[in-house]
């Protein structure tokens, strides 16, 4: 996580902001940033899907496997999660999970 994100979180905290903020960062847990967060949403899919999705984004098979290997195993990330989004199904199923989480967060921040 870049210093600018940490500074922004600190500023919101000083100002009493109660909104949720999301940062997309595959190596968040590995980099030790959990201590800066109130919670962690982990999105996950089956390993073969992860590989296929990286290939679809233009990664070679080797580069995709290297990228996945640089990350904690998904089971470890899921142990740190306060919320989980299963992205292994359809886009519609994933969207419904995200909408439910957003509604839950809105209730908890008001």
PDB file of N, CA and C in Angstrom:
ATOM      1  N   UNK A   1       0.861  -1.163   0.000  1.00  0.00           N
ATOM      2  CA  UNK A   1       0.000   0.000   0.000  1.00  0.00           C
ATOM      3  C   UNK A   1       0.901   1.218   0.000  1.00  0.00           C
ATOM      4  N   UNK A   2       0.593   2.125  -0.839  1.00  0.00           N
ATOM      5  CA  UNK A   2       1.429   3.299  -0.951  1.00  0.00           C
ATOM      6  C   UNK A   2       1.188   4.253   0.210  1.00  0.00           C
ATOM      7  N   UNK A   3       2.193   5.039   0.491  1.00  0.00           N
ATOM      8  CA  UNK A   3       2.120   5.987   1.597  1.00  0.00           C
ATOM      9  C   UNK A   3       0.942   6.938   1.444  1.00  0.00           C
ATOM     10  N   UNK A   4       0.586   7.284   0.208  1.00  0.00           N
ATOM     11  CA  UNK A   4      -0.530   8.206  -0.013  1.00  0.00           C
ATOM     12  C   UNK A   4      -1.842   7.615   0.505  1.00  0.00           C
ATOM     13  N   UNK A   5      -2.025   6.310   0.354  1.00  0.00           N
ATOM     14  CA  UNK A   5      -3.240   5.658   0.845  1.00  0.00           C
ATOM     15  C   UNK A   5      -3.261   5.682   2.369  1.00  0.00           C
ATOM     16  N   UNK A   6      -2.142   5.387   2.984  1.00  0.00           N
ATOM     17  CA  UNK A   6      -2.061   5.413   4.453  1.00  0.00           C
ATOM     18  C   UNK A   6      -2.322   6.828   4.967  1.00  0.00           C
ATOM     19  N   UNK A   7      -1.765   7.827   4.295  1.00  0.00           N
ATOM     20  CA  UNK A   7      -2.014   9.220   4.704  1.00  0.00           C
ATOM     21  C   UNK A   7      -3.487   9.580   4.579  1.00  0.00           C
ATOM     22  N   UNK A   8      -4.124   9.117   3.498  1.00  0.00           N
ATOM     23  CA  UNK A   8      -5.542   9.410   3.302  1.00  0.00           C
ATOM     24  C   UNK A   8      -6.379   8.758   4.395  1.00  0.00           C
ATOM     25  N   UNK A   9      -6.092   7.511   4.723  1.00  0.00           N
ATOM     26  CA  UNK A   9      -6.809   6.842   5.809  1.00  0.00           C
ATOM     27  C   UNK A   9      -6.632   7.596   7.119  1.00  0.00           C
ATOM     28  N   UNK A  10      -5.416   8.052   7.387  1.00  0.00           N
ATOM     29  CA  UNK A  10      -5.143   8.793   8.626  1.00  0.00           C
ATOM     30  C   UNK A  10      -5.923  10.105   8.656  1.00  0.00           C
ATOM     31  N   UNK A  11      -5.988  10.784   7.528  1.00  0.00           N
ATOM     32  CA  UNK A  11      -6.731  12.042   7.463  1.00  0.00           C
ATOM     33  C   UNK A  11      -8.213  11.793   7.721  1.00  0.00           C
ATOM     34  N   UNK A  12      -8.779  10.773   7.090  1.00  0.00           N
ATOM     35  CA  UNK A  12     -10.191  10.458   7.317  1.00  0.00           C
ATOM     36  C   UNK A  12     -10.439  10.121   8.780  1.00  0.00           C
ATOM     37  N   UNK A  13      -9.524   9.403   9.375  1.00  0.00           N
ATOM     38  CA  UNK A  13      -9.661   9.039  10.782  1.00  0.00           C
ATOM     39  C   UNK A  13      -9.641  10.287  11.667  1.00  0.00           C
ATOM     40  N   UNK A  14      -8.723  11.196  11.413  1.00  0.00           N
ATOM     41  CA  UNK A  14      -8.649  12.446  12.187  1.00  0.00           C
ATOM     42  C   UNK A  14      -9.920  13.268  12.053  1.00  0.00           C
ATOM     43  N   UNK A  15     -10.517  13.245  10.863  1.00  0.00           N
ATOM     44  CA  UNK A  15     -11.715  14.033  10.594  1.00  0.00           C
ATOM     45  C   UNK A  15     -12.999  13.321  11.016  1.00  0.00           C
ATOM     46  N   UNK A  16     -12.875  12.107  11.536  1.00  0.00           N
ATOM     47  CA  UNK A  16     -14.044  11.368  12.004  1.00  0.00           C
ATOM     48  C   UNK A  16     -14.883  10.742  10.907  1.00  0.00           C
ATOM     49  N   UNK A  17     -14.319  10.552   9.738  1.00  0.00           N
ATOM     50  CA  UNK A  17     -15.068   9.940   8.633  1.00  0.00           C
ATOM     51  C   UNK A  17     -15.475   8.530   9.006  1.00  0.00           C
ATOM     52  N   UNK A  18     -16.697   8.145   8.624  1.00  0.00           N
ATOM     53  CA  UNK A  18     -17.198   6.814   8.936  1.00  0.00           C
ATOM     54  C   UNK A  18     -17.520   6.002   7.685  1.00  0.00           C
ATOM     55  N   UNK A  19     -17.122   6.486   6.528  1.00  0.00           N
ATOM     56  CA  UNK A  19     -17.380   5.775   5.282  1.00  0.00           C
ATOM     57  C   UNK A  19     -16.391   4.632   5.110  1.00  0.00           C
ATOM     58  N   UNK A  20     -16.781   3.675   4.299  1.00  0.00           N
ATOM     59  CA  UNK A  20     -15.882   2.577   3.950  1.00  0.00           C
ATOM     60  C   UNK A  20     -15.028   2.998   2.760  1.00  0.00           C
ATOM     61  N   UNK A  21     -13.794   2.570   2.754  1.00  0.00           N
ATOM     62  CA  UNK A  21     -12.892   2.812   1.630  1.00  0.00           C
ATOM     63  C   UNK A  21     -12.299   1.471   1.228  1.00  0.00           C
ATOM     64  N   UNK A  22     -12.132   1.270  -0.058  1.00  0.00           N
ATOM     65  CA  UNK A  22     -11.606   0.008  -0.552  1.00  0.00           C
ATOM     66  C   UNK A  22     -10.342   0.254  -1.349  1.00  0.00           C
ATOM     67  N   UNK A  23      -9.361  -0.625  -1.162  1.00  0.00           N
ATOM     68  CA  UNK A  23      -8.106  -0.561  -1.881  1.00  0.00           C
ATOM     69  C   UNK A  23      -7.893  -1.925  -2.523  1.00  0.00           C
ATOM     70  N   UNK A  24      -7.697  -1.946  -3.831  1.00  0.00           N
ATOM     71  CA  UNK A  24      -7.401  -3.196  -4.509  1.00  0.00           C
ATOM     72  C   UNK A  24      -5.906  -3.431  -4.411  1.00  0.00           C
ATOM     73  N   UNK A  25      -5.535  -4.483  -3.707  1.00  0.00           N
ATOM     74  CA  UNK A  25      -4.112  -4.752  -3.508  1.00  0.00           C
ATOM     75  C   UNK A  25      -3.919  -6.238  -3.254  1.00  0.00           C
ATOM     76  N   UNK A  26      -3.397  -6.936  -4.230  1.00  0.00           N
ATOM     77  CA  UNK A  26      -3.236  -8.380  -4.122  1.00  0.00           C
ATOM     78  C   UNK A  26      -2.288  -8.790  -3.002  1.00  0.00           C
ATOM     79  N   UNK A  27      -1.312  -7.969  -2.690  1.00  0.00           N
ATOM     80  CA  UNK A  27      -0.309  -8.338  -1.692  1.00  0.00           C
ATOM     81  C   UNK A  27      -0.487  -7.586  -0.374  1.00  0.00           C
ATOM     82  N   UNK A  28      -1.691  -7.175  -0.068  1.00  0.00           N
ATOM     83  CA  UNK A  28      -1.982  -6.404   1.135  1.00  0.00           C
ATOM     84  C   UNK A  28      -1.589  -7.140   2.406  1.00  0.00           C
ATOM     85  N   UNK A  29      -1.984  -8.382   2.530  1.00  0.00           N
ATOM     86  CA  UNK A  29      -1.663  -9.179   3.725  1.00  0.00           C
ATOM     87  C   UNK A  29      -0.164  -9.432   3.784  1.00  0.00           C
ATOM     88  N   UNK A  30       0.403  -9.822   2.646  1.00  0.00           N
ATOM     89  CA  UNK A  30       1.823 -10.142   2.595  1.00  0.00           C
ATOM     90  C   UNK A  30       2.695  -8.948   2.980  1.00  0.00           C
ATOM     91  N   UNK A  31       2.243  -7.749   2.631  1.00  0.00           N
ATOM     92  CA  UNK A  31       3.026  -6.547   2.902  1.00  0.00           C
ATOM     93  C   UNK A  31       2.861  -6.032   4.330  1.00  0.00           C
ATOM     94  N   UNK A  32       1.991  -6.655   5.119  1.00  0.00           N
ATOM     95  CA  UNK A  32       1.838  -6.277   6.518  1.00  0.00           C
ATOM     96  C   UNK A  32       0.942  -5.075   6.769  1.00  0.00           C
ATOM     97  N   UNK A  33       0.028  -4.776   5.867  1.00  0.00           N
ATOM     98  CA  UNK A  33      -0.820  -3.597   6.016  1.00  0.00           C
ATOM     99  C   UNK A  33      -2.098  -3.839   6.813  1.00  0.00           C
ATOM    100  N   UNK A  34      -2.309  -5.050   7.281  1.00  0.00           N
ATOM    101  CA  UNK A  34      -3.533  -5.327   8.043  1.00  0.00           C
ATOM    102  C   UNK A  34      -3.680  -4.420   9.247  1.00  0.00           C
ATOM    103  N   UNK A  35      -2.565  -4.059   9.868  1.00  0.00           N
ATOM    104  CA  UNK A  35      -2.611  -3.212  11.067  1.00  0.00           C
ATOM    105  C   UNK A  35      -3.195  -1.838  10.778  1.00  0.00           C
ATOM    106  N   UNK A  36      -3.246  -1.429   9.519  1.00  0.00           N
ATOM    107  CA  UNK A  36      -3.791  -0.131   9.133  1.00  0.00           C
ATOM    108  C   UNK A  36      -5.281  -0.193   8.801  1.00  0.00           C
ATOM    109  N   UNK A  37      -5.856  -1.384   8.846  1.00  0.00           N
ATOM    110  CA  UNK A  37      -7.230  -1.567   8.378  1.00  0.00           C
ATOM    111  C   UNK A  37      -8.173  -1.951   9.505  1.00  0.00           C
ATOM    112  N   UNK A  38      -9.431  -1.557   9.349  1.00  0.00           N
ATOM    113  CA  UNK A  38     -10.476  -1.989  10.282  1.00  0.00           C
ATOM    114  C   UNK A  38     -11.031  -3.345   9.889  1.00  0.00           C
ATOM    115  N   UNK A  39     -10.848  -3.721   8.651  1.00  0.00           N
ATOM    116  CA  UNK A  39     -11.342  -4.994   8.154  1.00  0.00           C
ATOM    117  C   UNK A  39     -10.725  -5.294   6.806  1.00  0.00           C
ATOM    118  N   UNK A  40     -10.926  -6.514   6.357  1.00  0.00           N
ATOM    119  CA  UNK A  40     -10.360  -6.948   5.083  1.00  0.00           C
ATOM    120  C   UNK A  40     -11.392  -7.766   4.324  1.00  0.00           C
ATOM    121  N   UNK A  41     -11.711  -7.320   3.115  1.00  0.00           N
ATOM    122  CA  UNK A  41     -12.592  -8.071   2.228  1.00  0.00           C
ATOM    123  C   UNK A  41     -11.692  -8.846   1.268  1.00  0.00           C
ATOM    124  N   UNK A  42     -11.838 -10.149   1.263  1.00  0.00           N
ATOM    125  CA  UNK A  42     -11.054 -10.990   0.353  1.00  0.00           C
ATOM    126  C   UNK A  42     -11.991 -11.545  -0.711  1.00  0.00           C
ATOM    127  N   UNK A  43     -11.641 -11.278  -1.961  1.00  0.00           N
ATOM    128  CA  UNK A  43     -12.364 -11.880  -3.076  1.00  0.00           C
ATOM    129  C   UNK A  43     -11.570 -13.101  -3.518  1.00  0.00           C
ATOM    130  N   UNK A  44     -12.288 -14.146  -3.867  1.00  0.00           N
ATOM    131  CA  UNK A  44     -11.568 -15.358  -4.217  1.00  0.00           C
ATOM    132  C   UNK A  44     -12.337 -16.147  -5.272  1.00  0.00           C
ATOM    133  N   UNK A  45     -11.591 -16.989  -5.970  1.00  0.00           N
ATOM    134  CA  UNK A  45     -12.165 -17.933  -6.917  1.00  0.00           C
ATOM    135  C   UNK A  45     -11.301 -19.192  -6.882  1.00  0.00           C
ATOM    136  N   UNK A  46     -11.710 -20.186  -7.604  1.00  0.00           N
ATOM    137  CA  UNK A  46     -10.939 -21.424  -7.651  1.00  0.00           C
ATOM    138  C   UNK A  46      -9.588 -21.155  -8.312  1.00  0.00           C
ATOM    139  N   UNK A  47      -8.533 -21.863  -7.911  1.00  0.00           N
ATOM    140  CA  UNK A  47      -7.190 -21.614  -8.465  1.00  0.00           C
ATOM    141  C   UNK A  47      -7.134 -21.678  -9.995  1.00  0.00           C
ATOM    142  N   UNK A  48      -7.825 -22.633 -10.583  1.00  0.00           N
ATOM    143  CA  UNK A  48      -7.809 -22.735 -12.050  1.00  0.00           C
ATOM    144  C   UNK A  48      -8.454 -21.507 -12.685  1.00  0.00           C
ATOM    145  N   UNK A  49      -9.500 -20.992 -12.065  1.00  0.00           N
ATOM    146  CA  UNK A  49     -10.129 -19.771 -12.579  1.00  0.00           C
ATOM    147  C   UNK A  49      -9.173 -18.589 -12.479  1.00  0.00           C
ATOM    148  N   UNK A  50      -8.452 -18.505 -11.378  1.00  0.00           N
ATOM    149  CA  UNK A  50      -7.500 -17.413 -11.194  1.00  0.00           C
ATOM    150  C   UNK A  50      -6.469 -17.436 -12.320  1.00  0.00           C
ATOM    151  N   UNK A  51      -5.962 -18.614 -12.619  1.00  0.00           N
ATOM    152  CA  UNK A  51      -4.985 -18.777 -13.705  1.00  0.00           C
ATOM    153  C   UNK A  51      -5.600 -18.385 -15.050  1.00  0.00           C
ATOM    154  N   UNK A  52      -6.807 -18.871 -15.321  1.00  0.00           N
ATOM    155  CA  UNK A  52      -7.480 -18.556 -16.586  1.00  0.00           C
ATOM    156  C   UNK A  52      -7.743 -17.056 -16.721  1.00  0.00           C
ATOM    157  N   UNK A  53      -8.133 -16.413 -15.637  1.00  0.00           N
ATOM    158  CA  UNK A  53      -8.424 -14.974 -15.686  1.00  0.00           C
ATOM    159  C   UNK A  53      -7.158 -14.157 -15.942  1.00  0.00           C
ATOM    160  N   UNK A  54      -6.050 -14.579 -15.363  1.00  0.00           N
ATOM    161  CA  UNK A  54      -4.793 -13.878 -15.630  1.00  0.00           C
ATOM    162  C   UNK A  54      -4.377 -14.065 -17.087  1.00  0.00           C
ATOM    163  N   UNK A  55      -4.548 -15.274 -17.599  1.00  0.00           N
ATOM    164  CA  UNK A  55      -4.229 -15.506 -19.010  1.00  0.00           C
ATOM    165  C   UNK A  55      -5.101 -14.627 -19.907  1.00  0.00           C
ATOM    166  N   UNK A  56      -6.382 -14.503 -19.559  1.00  0.00           N
ATOM    167  CA  UNK A  56      -7.300 -13.678 -20.348  1.00  0.00           C
ATOM    168  C   UNK A  56      -6.905 -12.210 -20.320  1.00  0.00           C
ATOM    169  N   UNK A  57      -6.187 -11.792 -19.298  1.00  0.00           N
ATOM    170  CA  UNK A  57      -5.705 -10.411 -19.195  1.00  0.00           C
ATOM    171  C   UNK A  57      -4.352 -10.232 -19.881  1.00  0.00           C
ATOM    172  N   UNK A  58      -3.868 -11.291 -20.552  1.00  0.00           N
ATOM    173  CA  UNK A  58      -2.645 -11.168 -21.333  1.00  0.00           C
ATOM    174  C   UNK A  58      -1.391 -11.735 -20.695  1.00  0.00           C
ATOM    175  N   UNK A  59      -1.511 -12.333 -19.524  1.00  0.00           N
ATOM    176  CA  UNK A  59      -0.337 -12.927 -18.880  1.00  0.00           C
ATOM    177  C   UNK A  59      -0.007 -14.257 -19.538  1.00  0.00           C
ATOM    178  N   UNK A  60       1.275 -14.521 -19.695  1.00  0.00           N
ATOM    179  CA  UNK A  60       1.687 -15.848 -20.150  1.00  0.00           C
ATOM    180  C   UNK A  60       1.408 -16.830 -19.017  1.00  0.00           C
ATOM    181  N   UNK A  61       1.397 -18.108 -19.335  1.00  0.00           N
ATOM    182  CA  UNK A  61       1.159 -19.114 -18.304  1.00  0.00           C
ATOM    183  C   UNK A  61       2.209 -19.002 -17.197  1.00  0.00           C
ATOM    184  N   UNK A  62       3.461 -18.837 -17.591  1.00  0.00           N
ATOM    185  CA  UNK A  62       4.542 -18.724 -16.610  1.00  0.00           C
ATOM    186  C   UNK A  62       4.396 -17.473 -15.742  1.00  0.00           C
ATOM    187  N   UNK A  63       4.098 -16.332 -16.379  1.00  0.00           N
ATOM    188  CA  UNK A  63       3.932 -15.089 -15.625  1.00  0.00           C
ATOM    189  C   UNK A  63       2.737 -15.169 -14.676  1.00  0.00           C
ATOM    190  N   UNK A  64       1.669 -15.787 -15.127  1.00  0.00           N
ATOM    191  CA  UNK A  64       0.484 -15.931 -14.273  1.00  0.00           C
ATOM    192  C   UNK A  64       0.804 -16.800 -13.059  1.00  0.00           C
ATOM    193  N   UNK A  65       1.486 -17.893 -13.291  1.00  0.00           N
ATOM    194  CA  UNK A  65       1.849 -18.779 -12.172  1.00  0.00           C
ATOM    195  C   UNK A  65       2.823 -18.083 -11.206  1.00  0.00           C
ATOM    196  N   UNK A  66       3.744 -17.310 -11.745  1.00  0.00           N
ATOM    197  CA  UNK A  66       4.688 -16.564 -10.903  1.00  0.00           C
ATOM    198  C   UNK A  66       3.944 -15.548 -10.045  1.00  0.00           C
ATOM    199  N   UNK A  67       3.005 -14.856 -10.654  1.00  0.00           N
ATOM    200  CA  UNK A  67       2.211 -13.853  -9.918  1.00  0.00           C
ATOM    201  C   UNK A  67       1.414 -14.513  -8.786  1.00  0.00           C
ATOM    202  N   UNK A  68       0.787 -15.629  -9.074  1.00  0.00           N
ATOM    203  CA  UNK A  68       0.010 -16.347  -8.056  1.00  0.00           C
ATOM    204  C   UNK A  68       0.928 -16.846  -6.949  1.00  0.00           C
ATOM    205  N   UNK A  69       2.104 -17.344  -7.324  1.00  0.00           N
ATOM    206  CA  UNK A  69       3.049 -17.876  -6.331  1.00  0.00           C
ATOM    207  C   UNK A  69       3.580 -16.794  -5.395  1.00  0.00           C
ATOM    208  N   UNK A  70       3.572 -15.532  -5.836  1.00  0.00           N
ATOM    209  CA  UNK A  70       4.060 -14.428  -5.006  1.00  0.00           C
ATOM    210  C   UNK A  70       3.072 -14.082  -3.890  1.00  0.00           C
ATOM    211  N   UNK A  71       1.855 -14.595  -4.001  1.00  0.00           N
ATOM    212  CA  UNK A  71       0.816 -14.285  -3.029  1.00  0.00           C
ATOM    213  C   UNK A  71       0.691 -15.402  -1.996  1.00  0.00           C
ATOM    214  N   UNK A  72       0.152 -15.030  -0.830  1.00  0.00           N
ATOM    215  CA  UNK A  72      -0.173 -16.049   0.163  1.00  0.00           C
ATOM    216  C   UNK A  72      -1.183 -17.014  -0.431  1.00  0.00           C
ATOM    217  N   UNK A  73      -1.157 -18.258  -0.001  1.00  0.00           N
ATOM    218  CA  UNK A  73      -2.217 -19.165  -0.438  1.00  0.00           C
ATOM    219  C   UNK A  73      -3.581 -18.591  -0.028  1.00  0.00           C
ATOM    220  N   UNK A  74      -4.574 -18.815  -0.850  1.00  0.00           N
ATOM    221  CA  UNK A  74      -5.884 -18.237  -0.608  1.00  0.00           C
ATOM    222  C   UNK A  74      -6.446 -18.610   0.762  1.00  0.00           C
ATOM    223  N   UNK A  75      -6.196 -19.850   1.205  1.00  0.00           N
ATOM    224  CA  UNK A  75      -6.719 -20.228   2.527  1.00  0.00           C
ATOM    225  C   UNK A  75      -6.167 -19.321   3.626  1.00  0.00           C
ATOM    226  N   UNK A  76      -4.908 -18.908   3.497  1.00  0.00           N
ATOM    227  CA  UNK A  76      -4.309 -18.006   4.480  1.00  0.00           C
ATOM    228  C   UNK A  76      -4.959 -16.621   4.415  1.00  0.00           C
ATOM    229  N   UNK A  77      -5.182 -16.123   3.205  1.00  0.00           N
ATOM    230  CA  UNK A  77      -5.835 -14.824   3.076  1.00  0.00           C
ATOM    231  C   UNK A  77      -7.246 -14.869   3.650  1.00  0.00           C
ATOM    232  N   UNK A  78      -7.953 -15.946   3.375  1.00  0.00           N
ATOM    233  CA  UNK A  78      -9.330 -16.067   3.869  1.00  0.00           C
ATOM    234  C   UNK A  78      -9.380 -16.082   5.392  1.00  0.00           C
ATOM    235  N   UNK A  79      -8.345 -16.578   6.036  1.00  0.00           N
ATOM    236  CA  UNK A  79      -8.298 -16.572   7.511  1.00  0.00           C
ATOM    237  C   UNK A  79      -8.225 -15.149   8.067  1.00  0.00           C
ATOM    238  N   UNK A  80      -7.666 -14.226   7.296  1.00  0.00           N
ATOM    239  CA  UNK A  80      -7.552 -12.827   7.718  1.00  0.00           C
ATOM    240  C   UNK A  80      -8.805 -12.014   7.397  1.00  0.00           C
ATOM    241  N   UNK A  81      -9.667 -12.548   6.564  1.00  0.00           N
ATOM    242  CA  UNK A  81     -10.809 -11.784   6.056  1.00  0.00           C
ATOM    243  C   UNK A  81     -11.872 -11.541   7.117  1.00  0.00           C
ATOM    244  N   UNK A  82     -12.389 -10.322   7.127  1.00  0.00           N
ATOM    245  CA  UNK A  82     -13.578 -10.036   7.925  1.00  0.00           C
ATOM    246  C   UNK A  82     -14.818 -10.240   7.064  1.00  0.00           C
ATOM    247  N   UNK A  83     -14.639 -10.151   5.754  1.00  0.00           N
ATOM    248  CA  UNK A  83     -15.709 -10.412   4.787  1.00  0.00           C
ATOM    249  C   UNK A  83     -15.101 -11.141   3.598  1.00  0.00           C
ATOM    250  N   UNK A  84     -15.918 -11.987   2.957  1.00  0.00           N
ATOM    251  CA  UNK A  84     -15.440 -12.773   1.813  1.00  0.00           C
ATOM    252  C   UNK A  84     -16.425 -12.650   0.659  1.00  0.00           C
ATOM    253  N   UNK A  85     -15.891 -12.521  -0.538  1.00  0.00           N
ATOM    254  CA  UNK A  85     -16.695 -12.484  -1.756  1.00  0.00           C
ATOM    255  C   UNK A  85     -16.218 -13.636  -2.641  1.00  0.00           C
ATOM    256  N   UNK A  86     -17.116 -14.566  -2.934  1.00  0.00           N
ATOM    257  CA  UNK A  86     -16.811 -15.710  -3.787  1.00  0.00           C
ATOM    258  C   UNK A  86     -17.053 -15.308  -5.240  1.00  0.00           C
ATOM    259  N   UNK A  87     -15.971 -15.145  -5.981  1.00  0.00           N
ATOM    260  CA  UNK A  87     -16.053 -14.727  -7.384  1.00  0.00           C
ATOM    261  C   UNK A  87     -15.979 -15.901  -8.348  1.00  0.00           C
ATOM    262  N   UNK A  88     -16.192 -17.107  -7.847  1.00  0.00           N
ATOM    263  CA  UNK A  88     -16.054 -18.272  -8.719  1.00  0.00           C
ATOM    264  C   UNK A  88     -17.317 -18.551  -9.528  1.00  0.00           C
ATOM    265  N   UNK A  89     -18.413 -17.895  -9.182  1.00  0.00           N
ATOM    266  CA  UNK A  89     -19.658 -18.082  -9.920  1.00  0.00           C
ATOM    267  C   UNK A  89     -19.828 -17.031 -10.994  1.00  0.00           C
ATOM    268  N   UNK A  90     -21.058 -16.798 -11.345  1.00  0.00           N
ATOM    269  CA  UNK A  90     -21.363 -15.816 -12.393  1.00  0.00           C
ATOM    270  C   UNK A  90     -21.111 -14.399 -11.893  1.00  0.00           C
ATOM    271  N   UNK A  91     -21.000 -13.494 -12.839  1.00  0.00           N
ATOM    272  CA  UNK A  91     -20.836 -12.088 -12.501  1.00  0.00           C
ATOM    273  C   UNK A  91     -22.039 -11.609 -11.682  1.00  0.00           C
ATOM    274  N   UNK A  92     -23.229 -12.070 -12.028  1.00  0.00           N
ATOM    275  CA  UNK A  92     -24.441 -11.689 -11.301  1.00  0.00           C
ATOM    276  C   UNK A  92     -24.377 -12.153  -9.842  1.00  0.00           C
ATOM    277  N   UNK A  93     -23.922 -13.368  -9.592  1.00  0.00           N
ATOM    278  CA  UNK A  93     -23.793 -13.861  -8.211  1.00  0.00           C
ATOM    279  C   UNK A  93     -22.771 -13.036  -7.440  1.00  0.00           C
ATOM    280  N   UNK A  94     -21.667 -12.706  -8.090  1.00  0.00           N
ATOM    281  CA  UNK A  94     -20.651 -11.874  -7.440  1.00  0.00           C
ATOM    282  C   UNK A  94     -21.223 -10.494  -7.137  1.00  0.00           C
ATOM    283  N   UNK A  95     -21.921  -9.917  -8.106  1.00  0.00           N
ATOM    284  CA  UNK A  95     -22.514  -8.584  -7.927  1.00  0.00           C
ATOM    285  C   UNK A  95     -23.484  -8.575  -6.739  1.00  0.00           C
ATOM    286  N   UNK A  96     -24.278  -9.628  -6.589  1.00  0.00           N
ATOM    287  CA  UNK A  96     -25.224  -9.699  -5.463  1.00  0.00           C
ATOM    288  C   UNK A  96     -24.493  -9.737  -4.125  1.00  0.00           C
ATOM    289  N   UNK A  97     -23.377 -10.440  -4.068  1.00  0.00           N
ATOM    290  CA  UNK A  97     -22.586 -10.479  -2.832  1.00  0.00           C
ATOM    291  C   UNK A  97     -22.022  -9.097  -2.501  1.00  0.00           C
ATOM    292  N   UNK A  98     -21.543  -8.408  -3.524  1.00  0.00           N
ATOM    293  CA  UNK A  98     -20.987  -7.074  -3.322  1.00  0.00           C
ATOM    294  C   UNK A  98     -22.083  -6.110  -2.866  1.00  0.00           C
ATOM    295  N   UNK A  99     -23.252  -6.184  -3.484  1.00  0.00           N
ATOM    296  CA  UNK A  99     -24.357  -5.312  -3.093  1.00  0.00           C
ATOM    297  C   UNK A  99     -24.783  -5.586  -1.647  1.00  0.00           C
ATOM    298  N   UNK A 100     -24.817  -6.855  -1.256  1.00  0.00           N
ATOM    299  CA  UNK A 100     -25.175  -7.200   0.122  1.00  0.00           C
ATOM    300  C   UNK A 100     -24.143  -6.666   1.101  1.00  0.00           C
ATOM    301  N   UNK A 101     -22.882  -6.773   0.759  1.00  0.00           N
ATOM    302  CA  UNK A 101     -21.829  -6.243   1.623  1.00  0.00           C
ATOM    303  C   UNK A 101     -21.927  -4.723   1.712  1.00  0.00           C
ATOM    304  N   UNK A 102     -22.166  -4.057   0.585  1.00  0.00           N
ATOM    305  CA  UNK A 102     -22.299  -2.597   0.588  1.00  0.00           C
ATOM    306  C   UNK A 102     -23.463  -2.176   1.492  1.00  0.00           C
ATOM    307  N   UNK A 103     -24.575  -2.874   1.415  1.00  0.00           N
ATOM    308  CA  UNK A 103     -25.713  -2.549   2.269  1.00  0.00           C
ATOM    309  C   UNK A 103     -25.367  -2.751   3.739  1.00  0.00           C
ATOM    310  N   UNK A 104     -24.669  -3.822   4.049  1.00  0.00           N
ATOM    311  CA  UNK A 104     -24.251  -4.089   5.427  1.00  0.00           C
ATOM    312  C   UNK A 104     -23.329  -2.982   5.937  1.00  0.00           C
ATOM    313  N   UNK A 105     -22.387  -2.570   5.109  1.00  0.00           N
ATOM    314  CA  UNK A 105     -21.458  -1.516   5.506  1.00  0.00           C
ATOM    315  C   UNK A 105     -22.160  -0.174   5.692  1.00  0.00           C
ATOM    316  N   UNK A 106     -23.148   0.106   4.833  1.00  0.00           N
ATOM    317  CA  UNK A 106     -23.900   1.359   4.980  1.00  0.00           C
ATOM    318  C   UNK A 106     -24.614   1.391   6.339  1.00  0.00           C
ATOM    319  N   UNK A 107     -25.199   0.278   6.736  1.00  0.00           N
ATOM    320  CA  UNK A 107     -25.902   0.198   8.023  1.00  0.00           C
ATOM    321  C   UNK A 107     -24.921   0.380   9.177  1.00  0.00           C
ATOM    322  N   UNK A 108     -23.743  -0.218   9.062  1.00  0.00           N
ATOM    323  CA  UNK A 108     -22.746  -0.160  10.136  1.00  0.00           C
ATOM    324  C   UNK A 108     -22.011   1.165  10.217  1.00  0.00           C
ATOM    325  N   UNK A 109     -22.098   2.016   9.189  1.00  0.00           N
ATOM    326  CA  UNK A 109     -21.377   3.286   9.231  1.00  0.00           C
ATOM    327  C   UNK A 109     -22.299   4.479   9.454  1.00  0.00           C
ATOM    328  N   UNK A 110     -23.577   4.233   9.611  1.00  0.00           N
ATOM    329  CA  UNK A 110     -24.481   5.367   9.842  1.00  0.00           C
ATOM    330  C   UNK A 110     -24.812   5.506  11.302  1.00  0.00           C
TER     331      UNK A 110
END
